[in-house]
Amino acid sequence: MHKFTVWAPKAMKMAVKIDDHVYPMSGPSDTGWWDAKVETAGAETDYAFLLNDDTTPYPDPRSPWQANGVHGPSRVVDHKAFQWNDAAWQGPPLGGAVIYELHIGTFTPEGTFDAAIGKLDYLFDLGITHIEIMPVAAFPGDFGWGYDGVALFAVRHTYGGPEALKRLVDACHQRGIGVLIDVVYNHFGPVGNYANMFGPYMTSFHRTPWGDAINFEAAGSDEVRRFFCDNALMWMRDYHVDGLRLDAVHEFVDRSAIHFMEQLSAEVDVLSSTLGRRLILIAESDLNDPRVVTPREARGYGMDAQWSDDFHHALFTILHVEQGKGYYDDFGSFADLAKSLKRAFVYDGEFSRYRDRSHGRPVEGLSAHHFVCFIQNHDQVGNRATGDRLEHIIGLDRAKVAAGLVLSSPFIPMLFQGEEYAASTPFQYFADHEDGELRKAVSEGRKREFAAFGWKAEEIPDPESPETFNRSKLNWDEVSQGKHADMLEWCKQLIHFRRSSSTLNDGDMGHVEVSYDEEKRWLVVGRGLVTVLCNLGDEEMRLDAPEDATLALASRPDVRLDGGLVVLPSNTLAILTVEALNP
């Protein structure tokens, strides 16, 4: 026996359809819920809902599995049937995390959860503490990034479905690796979004880049908020996921007395206490508003951390000048990078030329461990015209400098799949939209977007082409070859040095000292017992070394200590230490 429920406050009648049988549902309740008990239904039963007199069966908005794609019937999943092996799992602390972002479809040739398990020993040896998986909720088409999800409770069937995701999480925990999943609560995808047929999940009162906003504050919003909170809790409870990364929270339009993020944070804390393990919420926000990561007790929204875009923009623009490239026009100086290292936000009330207004608010009294830093991620690589990676743009030496600054920063560092070995494969934007007009609009829109920056139409990969998807798959054969092996060893040394250094795990931004020379293009970051020096100028630099310091790591073998000076050739980074490292 299985009890089917669905929220459909405007429906006059509802039924659940299983094979050729139709079972009328009781309702609606005062809050708009319908239900029906079916004695013959259970795990693996396929079902769909009938609304009013419409004879078309629709999938459940809370479907736990769309085994035949987002347009087919939903399937019942028994989450209690899986045999977990992680009863003692607690998870690594967020403050000491080294995160690795990956896309299941391109991380391995097979593009499945089970195939990803085969790479976990590699990630463990690299020193990764958490993997962050791009969205795995069901989305239409044969391939995509996952940000057009429409069945948010259902695990993508081509990746392996619910059981395979559980196997991956369980295998990660056996190796001491935490799992974070990217979730999209700011919009539904344009194809296969049946949820709004059942209730007011969307509102036309507010608009986002994707159309109508999620209804977080208007009539019916209690159940809409419940939908998204329950979704978050499901990943952590039923799939044993350790945390979530919330996509683009700046597109949440919520003027409620209790903001959706605050509600979600409180409910996740309750679940954490119930399960007895630490759960994490990481936001993507371009608001430069510290309230996002301020604890609820201090009148904040209670997210544990957020992505640090200002650090990325500041670092990228001193590595590579991109004039006329939108938000990059607000950056480009060593002073910006220095401020991002000491204050997290470069724009903390400053006037932004890109926005043509003042932007942001100062970060005060918060640990750097509330901010995730990176020089590559799916957006910063995939949203480039050809998906070229950092090493493709600036060369290996400067890419090593970038990795050194990320992995020695006071923030939580994150790598993007393949970055650690300077992957030759690009990561391009790909999406298999089923609607012909939409496919054409996306392909042509991509070409028009980059034509404004001087790209020829034939140079822009067609996002709707399977070749674009396949081109973005990592080539693991090159890991042990030439410059790829060199970069991998460098990143491995940096990560292991960071994880063994109490100084580099100190999140107090008041303990960070930065000096620089804009003209000669050198930067020195003092982290207490550790000093990071980099030279991005065209000439060799000789910079003062702290007394009794030893050269812990260098991006090239020609970096050396010479008396009380460290000699840095062009485009090199060195880490000095007087610290006794942990084993």
Foldseek 3Di string as FASTA:
>chain_A
DDKDKAAFQPFPWKWKDFDNDIGTWDDDDPLRMTMDDDPPDDAFTWMFMDTHPDPQTAEGLQAQADQPALGGTGGDHDLVPDDFDQLVFFADDLLLAEEEEEEQQFQALQSALVVVLVCLVVCVLLQGAEYEYQAQATDDDDDFSHLQHQNLNWGHNSNPTDNSLLVNQRSCRVSNHAYEYEGELWDHHPPSNCSVVRHPQFDQVDADPRGTTGPCADPSNVVSLVVVLVSQVCCCPSSVHQEYEYEAPVSHDDPDPQDSLLVSLVVVVVVCVVSVHHHAYEYEYPQQECLQCDPVVVVRSNHPAYELVQLLLQLVQCLPPDPPPQQNPQYRFVVSNQCCLQWSDSQAQDQGPSVRGRGHHTDPPDFLQRYEYENDECCVQAVPQLQQDPCVPRNLLLLLVRLLCQLLGLYRYYHYNLSQQNFPFGQYGADADPDPVVLVCQQVVSLVVCVVVVDHSVVGDRRNDVVNSSSRRTDPVCCCPDSSVLSNVSSSLSSVQCSFDPLSSGRNSVQWDKDADRVQAKIWIDSDQKIKIFGQHQAKDKAFAPPPKDWRDKSDPPWDDDPRIIIYGHSMMTMIGPDDTHD
